[in-house]
Amino acid sequence: MLHFHPNKKYTLTAFFIDFFMHTRLFLIGLPGSGKSTFGKEVAQKMNYAFLDLDDKIIAYEQKTIAEIFSQKGEAYFRRLERKILEECLVLEKTVVATGGGTPCFYDNLKKIQQSGLVVYLNINPTHIAERLVLQPNERPLLETQDFDQLVWQLEAKLIERKKFYEKAHLILTESKISVEYLLNRLQ
């Protein structure tokens, strides 16, 4: 079985071949960066299934992510997230939107790098906050409705997680996040 190599710099042709041999695409990035929205669009254009890791966790636990965090704690959540991620590593023709912290715990990043194409959606924390301030209480690690505080929390998360996110096979910056751009990069 051919694996993606986390430290390998791919030519676009090699990238394309590796990607289609695995047929899995993992989207990573900060909470609220648009992984689910973008993932659904990409999956539709590629005729792939779409899977939101957080939605799978919610269905498994029959609780919201915030409820899981408050009732069972982050350690429990991360173990459950890891378990459900393992199930996703063998799915074919699937776009997976990970949770914002998924690649930062255990060896999750290494696992997804070896199982498919990892794409980091690099969105400015201020732009994320503009969207998230309209969705209070949906993100357990972002517990404020104050815009400035939310920006600060997102910037802190980015500092903490950037070293993981930047190990993605492909980084899409805000100005280049479009389904067409991604698909063109894969051809």
C-alpha atoms as a PDB file:
ATOM      1  CA  MET A   1       0.000   0.000   0.000  1.00  0.00           C
ATOM      2  CA  LEU A   2       1.367   3.398  -0.963  1.00  0.00           C
ATOM      3  CA  HIS A   3       1.361   6.016   1.795  1.00  0.00           C
ATOM      4  CA  PHE A   4       1.568   9.772   1.724  1.00  0.00           C
ATOM      5  CA  HIS A   5       4.832  10.826   3.266  1.00  0.00           C
ATOM      6  CA  PRO A   6       4.447  13.732   5.718  1.00  0.00           C
ATOM      7  CA  ASN A   7       7.832  15.279   4.931  1.00  0.00           C
ATOM      8  CA  LYS A   8       7.854  14.600   1.198  1.00  0.00           C
ATOM      9  CA  LYS A   9       7.510  17.573  -1.122  1.00  0.00           C
ATOM     10  CA  TYR A  10       5.265  16.474  -3.953  1.00  0.00           C
ATOM     11  CA  THR A  11       5.240  17.530  -7.549  1.00  0.00           C
ATOM     12  CA  LEU A  12       1.668  18.089  -8.595  1.00  0.00           C
ATOM     13  CA  THR A  13       1.736  14.931 -10.706  1.00  0.00           C
ATOM     14  CA  ALA A  14       2.997  12.776  -7.815  1.00  0.00           C
ATOM     15  CA  PHE A  15       0.503  14.483  -5.537  1.00  0.00           C
ATOM     16  CA  PHE A  16      -2.320  13.692  -7.959  1.00  0.00           C
ATOM     17  CA  ILE A  17      -1.298  10.042  -8.305  1.00  0.00           C
ATOM     18  CA  ASP A  18      -0.916   9.555  -4.548  1.00  0.00           C
ATOM     19  CA  PHE A  19      -4.232  11.264  -3.878  1.00  0.00           C
ATOM     20  CA  PHE A  20      -6.243   9.164  -6.257  1.00  0.00           C
ATOM     21  CA  MET A  21      -4.624   5.969  -5.037  1.00  0.00           C
ATOM     22  CA  HIS A  22      -6.006   6.765  -1.593  1.00  0.00           C
ATOM     23  CA  THR A  23      -9.186   8.594  -2.522  1.00  0.00           C
ATOM     24  CA  ARG A  24      -9.436  10.299   0.862  1.00  0.00           C
ATOM     25  CA  LEU A  25      -9.181  14.007   1.494  1.00  0.00           C
ATOM     26  CA  PHE A  26      -8.879  15.364   5.051  1.00  0.00           C
ATOM     27  CA  LEU A  27      -9.588  19.025   5.739  1.00  0.00           C
ATOM     28  CA  ILE A  28      -7.887  20.596   8.755  1.00  0.00           C
ATOM     29  CA  GLY A  29      -7.912  24.088  10.220  1.00  0.00           C
ATOM     30  CA  LEU A  30      -9.214  26.228  13.038  1.00  0.00           C
ATOM     31  CA  PRO A  31     -12.746  25.793  14.353  1.00  0.00           C
ATOM     32  CA  GLY A  32     -15.069  27.755  12.089  1.00  0.00           C
ATOM     33  CA  SER A  33     -12.634  27.877   9.173  1.00  0.00           C
ATOM     34  CA  GLY A  34     -15.233  26.374   6.838  1.00  0.00           C
ATOM     35  CA  LYS A  35     -14.027  22.775   6.688  1.00  0.00           C
ATOM     36  CA  SER A  36     -17.554  21.355   6.657  1.00  0.00           C
ATOM     37  CA  THR A  37     -18.971  23.833   4.153  1.00  0.00           C
ATOM     38  CA  PHE A  38     -15.972  23.558   1.833  1.00  0.00           C
ATOM     39  CA  GLY A  39     -15.807  19.782   2.285  1.00  0.00           C
ATOM     40  CA  LYS A  40     -19.409  19.320   1.187  1.00  0.00           C
ATOM     41  CA  GLU A  41     -18.759  21.381  -1.949  1.00  0.00           C
ATOM     42  CA  VAL A  42     -15.572  19.479  -2.795  1.00  0.00           C
ATOM     43  CA  ALA A  43     -17.237  16.106  -2.202  1.00  0.00           C
ATOM     44  CA  GLN A  44     -20.154  17.040  -4.442  1.00  0.00           C
ATOM     45  CA  LYS A  45     -17.874  18.178  -7.287  1.00  0.00           C
ATOM     46  CA  MET A  46     -15.730  15.041  -7.004  1.00  0.00           C
ATOM     47  CA  ASN A  47     -18.703  12.727  -6.558  1.00  0.00           C
ATOM     48  CA  TYR A  48     -17.279  11.637  -3.188  1.00  0.00           C
ATOM     49  CA  ALA A  49     -19.011  11.016   0.123  1.00  0.00           C
ATOM     50  CA  PHE A  50     -18.687  13.697   2.782  1.00  0.00           C
ATOM     51  CA  LEU A  51     -18.099  13.005   6.448  1.00  0.00           C
ATOM     52  CA  ASP A  52     -17.913  15.540   9.270  1.00  0.00           C
ATOM     53  CA  LEU A  53     -15.942  14.027  12.140  1.00  0.00           C
ATOM     54  CA  ASP A  54     -17.740  16.155  14.738  1.00  0.00           C
ATOM     55  CA  ASP A  55     -21.132  15.044  13.363  1.00  0.00           C
ATOM     56  CA  LYS A  56     -20.058  11.393  13.681  1.00  0.00           C
ATOM     57  CA  ILE A  57     -19.049  12.035  17.302  1.00  0.00           C
ATOM     58  CA  ILE A  58     -22.374  13.756  18.024  1.00  0.00           C
ATOM     59  CA  ALA A  59     -24.301  10.826  16.512  1.00  0.00           C
ATOM     60  CA  TYR A  60     -22.239   8.295  18.461  1.00  0.00           C
ATOM     61  CA  GLU A  61     -22.676  10.048  21.812  1.00  0.00           C
ATOM     62  CA  GLN A  62     -26.147  11.489  21.189  1.00  0.00           C
ATOM     63  CA  LYS A  63     -24.818  14.746  22.702  1.00  0.00           C
ATOM     64  CA  THR A  64     -23.454  17.986  21.304  1.00  0.00           C
ATOM     65  CA  ILE A  65     -19.702  18.531  21.339  1.00  0.00           C
ATOM     66  CA  ALA A  66     -20.192  21.168  24.052  1.00  0.00           C
ATOM     67  CA  GLU A  67     -22.164  18.661  26.172  1.00  0.00           C
ATOM     68  CA  ILE A  68     -19.474  15.999  25.753  1.00  0.00           C
ATOM     69  CA  PHE A  69     -16.801  18.470  26.851  1.00  0.00           C
ATOM     70  CA  SER A  70     -18.785  19.672  29.859  1.00  0.00           C
ATOM     71  CA  GLN A  71     -20.025  16.246  31.005  1.00  0.00           C
ATOM     72  CA  LYS A  72     -17.073  13.986  30.167  1.00  0.00           C
ATOM     73  CA  GLY A  73     -14.135  16.342  29.635  1.00  0.00           C
ATOM     74  CA  GLU A  74     -11.725  17.061  26.812  1.00  0.00           C
ATOM     75  CA  ALA A  75      -9.598  13.943  27.458  1.00  0.00           C
ATOM     76  CA  TYR A  76     -12.627  11.692  26.902  1.00  0.00           C
ATOM     77  CA  PHE A  77     -13.595  13.670  23.796  1.00  0.00           C
ATOM     78  CA  ARG A  78     -10.093  13.352  22.298  1.00  0.00           C
ATOM     79  CA  ARG A  79     -10.043   9.573  22.869  1.00  0.00           C
ATOM     80  CA  LEU A  80     -13.464   9.242  21.229  1.00  0.00           C
ATOM     81  CA  GLU A  81     -12.396  11.514  18.374  1.00  0.00           C
ATOM     82  CA  ARG A  82      -9.342   9.293  17.821  1.00  0.00           C
ATOM     83  CA  LYS A  83     -11.495   6.143  17.785  1.00  0.00           C
ATOM     84  CA  ILE A  84     -13.923   7.567  15.238  1.00  0.00           C
ATOM     85  CA  LEU A  85     -11.084   8.981  13.122  1.00  0.00           C
ATOM     86  CA  GLU A  86      -9.584   5.470  12.930  1.00  0.00           C
ATOM     87  CA  GLU A  87     -12.840   4.279  11.341  1.00  0.00           C
ATOM     88  CA  CYS A  88     -12.574   7.014   8.689  1.00  0.00           C
ATOM     89  CA  LEU A  89      -9.053   6.084   7.610  1.00  0.00           C
ATOM     90  CA  VAL A  90     -10.253   3.235   5.420  1.00  0.00           C
ATOM     91  CA  LEU A  91     -13.203   4.906   3.725  1.00  0.00           C
ATOM     92  CA  GLU A  92     -12.854   5.292  -0.025  1.00  0.00           C
ATOM     93  CA  LYS A  93     -13.833   8.321  -2.093  1.00  0.00           C
ATOM     94  CA  THR A  94     -14.512  10.411   0.996  1.00  0.00           C
ATOM     95  CA  VAL A  95     -13.855  13.988   2.027  1.00  0.00           C
ATOM     96  CA  VAL A  96     -13.471  14.231   5.823  1.00  0.00           C
ATOM     97  CA  ALA A  97     -13.853  17.514   7.708  1.00  0.00           C
ATOM     98  CA  THR A  98     -11.879  17.022  10.915  1.00  0.00           C
ATOM     99  CA  GLY A  99     -12.397  18.883  14.151  1.00  0.00           C
ATOM    100  CA  GLY A 100     -10.105  21.857  14.684  1.00  0.00           C
ATOM    101  CA  GLY A 101      -7.986  19.976  17.215  1.00  0.00           C
ATOM    102  CA  THR A 102      -8.009  16.566  15.551  1.00  0.00           C
ATOM    103  CA  PRO A 103      -4.535  16.756  13.955  1.00  0.00           C
ATOM    104  CA  CYS A 104      -3.000  18.059  17.190  1.00  0.00           C
ATOM    105  CA  PHE A 105      -3.597  15.032  19.410  1.00  0.00           C
ATOM    106  CA  TYR A 106      -2.056  11.574  19.592  1.00  0.00           C
ATOM    107  CA  ASP A 107      -0.619  10.628  16.210  1.00  0.00           C
ATOM    108  CA  ASN A 108      -3.751  11.720  14.356  1.00  0.00           C
ATOM    109  CA  LEU A 109      -1.868  13.965  11.948  1.00  0.00           C
ATOM    110  CA  LYS A 110       0.536  11.203  10.965  1.00  0.00           C
ATOM    111  CA  LYS A 111      -2.368   8.798  10.460  1.00  0.00           C
ATOM    112  CA  ILE A 112      -4.303  11.132   8.172  1.00  0.00           C
ATOM    113  CA  GLN A 113      -1.137  12.082   6.264  1.00  0.00           C
ATOM    114  CA  GLN A 114      -0.567   8.403   5.536  1.00  0.00           C
ATOM    115  CA  SER A 115      -4.192   7.751   4.631  1.00  0.00           C
ATOM    116  CA  GLY A 116      -5.023  10.556   2.255  1.00  0.00           C
ATOM    117  CA  LEU A 117      -4.475  14.086   1.108  1.00  0.00           C
ATOM    118  CA  VAL A 118      -4.419  16.595   3.984  1.00  0.00           C
ATOM    119  CA  VAL A 119      -5.516  20.127   3.117  1.00  0.00           C
ATOM    120  CA  TYR A 120      -5.183  23.010   5.592  1.00  0.00           C
ATOM    121  CA  LEU A 121      -7.735  25.809   5.224  1.00  0.00           C
ATOM    122  CA  ASN A 122      -5.720  28.784   6.417  1.00  0.00           C
ATOM    123  CA  ILE A 123      -8.295  31.441   7.345  1.00  0.00           C
ATOM    124  CA  ASN A 124      -7.621  34.682   9.213  1.00  0.00           C
ATOM    125  CA  PRO A 125      -8.906  34.398  12.817  1.00  0.00           C
ATOM    126  CA  THR A 126     -10.701  37.748  12.504  1.00  0.00           C
ATOM    127  CA  HIS A 127     -12.722  36.448   9.546  1.00  0.00           C
ATOM    128  CA  ILE A 128     -13.571  33.263  11.447  1.00  0.00           C
ATOM    129  CA  ALA A 129     -14.691  35.325  14.454  1.00  0.00           C
ATOM    130  CA  GLU A 130     -17.030  37.339  12.234  1.00  0.00           C
ATOM    131  CA  ARG A 131     -18.872  34.094  11.442  1.00  0.00           C
ATOM    132  CA  LEU A 132     -18.611  32.430  14.862  1.00  0.00           C
ATOM    133  CA  VAL A 133     -19.932  35.362  16.844  1.00  0.00           C
ATOM    134  CA  LEU A 134     -23.267  34.543  15.193  1.00  0.00           C
ATOM    135  CA  GLN A 135     -23.114  30.929  16.490  1.00  0.00           C
ATOM    136  CA  PRO A 136     -22.772  31.238  20.276  1.00  0.00           C
ATOM    137  CA  ASN A 137     -22.160  28.145  22.427  1.00  0.00           C
ATOM    138  CA  GLU A 138     -21.464  25.790  19.517  1.00  0.00           C
ATOM    139  CA  ARG A 139     -17.691  25.599  20.034  1.00  0.00           C
ATOM    140  CA  PRO A 140     -16.661  24.337  23.490  1.00  0.00           C
ATOM    141  CA  LEU A 141     -13.114  25.689  23.342  1.00  0.00           C
ATOM    142  CA  LEU A 142     -14.315  29.116  22.185  1.00  0.00           C
ATOM    143  CA  GLU A 143     -16.634  30.104  25.006  1.00  0.00           C
ATOM    144  CA  THR A 144     -17.235  33.778  24.428  1.00  0.00           C
ATOM    145  CA  GLN A 145     -19.669  35.889  22.460  1.00  0.00           C
ATOM    146  CA  ASP A 146     -17.445  38.968  22.661  1.00  0.00           C
ATOM    147  CA  PHE A 147     -15.911  39.552  19.236  1.00  0.00           C
ATOM    148  CA  ASP A 148     -12.500  40.784  20.437  1.00  0.00           C
ATOM    149  CA  GLN A 149     -12.220  37.944  22.942  1.00  0.00           C
ATOM    150  CA  LEU A 150     -13.157  35.446  20.233  1.00  0.00           C
ATOM    151  CA  VAL A 151     -10.450  36.807  17.914  1.00  0.00           C
ATOM    152  CA  TRP A 152      -7.938  36.545  20.752  1.00  0.00           C
ATOM    153  CA  GLN A 153      -8.963  32.922  21.492  1.00  0.00           C
ATOM    154  CA  LEU A 154      -8.701  31.965  17.819  1.00  0.00           C
ATOM    155  CA  GLU A 155      -5.290  33.620  17.500  1.00  0.00           C
ATOM    156  CA  ALA A 156      -4.118  31.719  20.597  1.00  0.00           C
ATOM    157  CA  LYS A 157      -5.424  28.438  19.119  1.00  0.00           C
ATOM    158  CA  LEU A 158      -3.634  29.206  15.855  1.00  0.00           C
ATOM    159  CA  ILE A 159      -0.331  29.806  17.655  1.00  0.00           C
ATOM    160  CA  GLU A 160      -0.796  26.510  19.498  1.00  0.00           C
ATOM    161  CA  ARG A 161      -1.869  24.471  16.453  1.00  0.00           C
ATOM    162  CA  LYS A 162      -0.088  26.084  13.496  1.00  0.00           C
ATOM    163  CA  LYS A 163       2.876  23.690  13.723  1.00  0.00           C
ATOM    164  CA  PHE A 164       0.453  20.822  13.086  1.00  0.00           C
ATOM    165  CA  TYR A 165      -1.670  22.537  10.451  1.00  0.00           C
ATOM    166  CA  GLU A 166       1.332  23.562   8.364  1.00  0.00           C
ATOM    167  CA  LYS A 167       2.351  19.919   7.926  1.00  0.00           C
ATOM    168  CA  ALA A 168      -0.591  19.439   5.564  1.00  0.00           C
ATOM    169  CA  HIS A 169       0.190  18.272   2.043  1.00  0.00           C
ATOM    170  CA  LEU A 170      -1.515  21.369   0.676  1.00  0.00           C
ATOM    171  CA  ILE A 171      -2.235  24.730   2.296  1.00  0.00           C
ATOM    172  CA  LEU A 172      -5.056  26.820   0.893  1.00  0.00           C
ATOM    173  CA  THR A 173      -4.920  30.440   1.924  1.00  0.00           C
ATOM    174  CA  GLU A 174      -8.067  32.476   2.214  1.00  0.00           C
ATOM    175  CA  SER A 175      -7.783  34.011  -1.237  1.00  0.00           C
ATOM    176  CA  LYS A 176      -7.347  30.564  -2.831  1.00  0.00           C
ATOM    177  CA  ILE A 177     -10.052  28.578  -1.068  1.00  0.00           C
ATOM    178  CA  SER A 178     -12.330  27.477  -3.825  1.00  0.00           C
ATOM    179  CA  VAL A 179     -13.354  24.079  -5.074  1.00  0.00           C
ATOM    180  CA  GLU A 180     -12.127  24.939  -8.559  1.00  0.00           C
ATOM    181  CA  TYR A 181      -8.712  26.032  -7.283  1.00  0.00           C
ATOM    182  CA  LEU A 182      -8.281  22.810  -5.278  1.00  0.00           C
ATOM    183  CA  LEU A 183      -9.369  20.592  -8.165  1.00  0.00           C
ATOM    184  CA  ASN A 184      -7.069  22.463 -10.550  1.00  0.00           C
ATOM    185  CA  ARG A 185      -4.154  21.895  -8.170  1.00  0.00           C
ATOM    186  CA  LEU A 186      -4.893  18.166  -8.287  1.00  0.00           C
ATOM    187  CA  GLN A 187      -4.772  17.925 -12.074  1.00  0.00           C
END
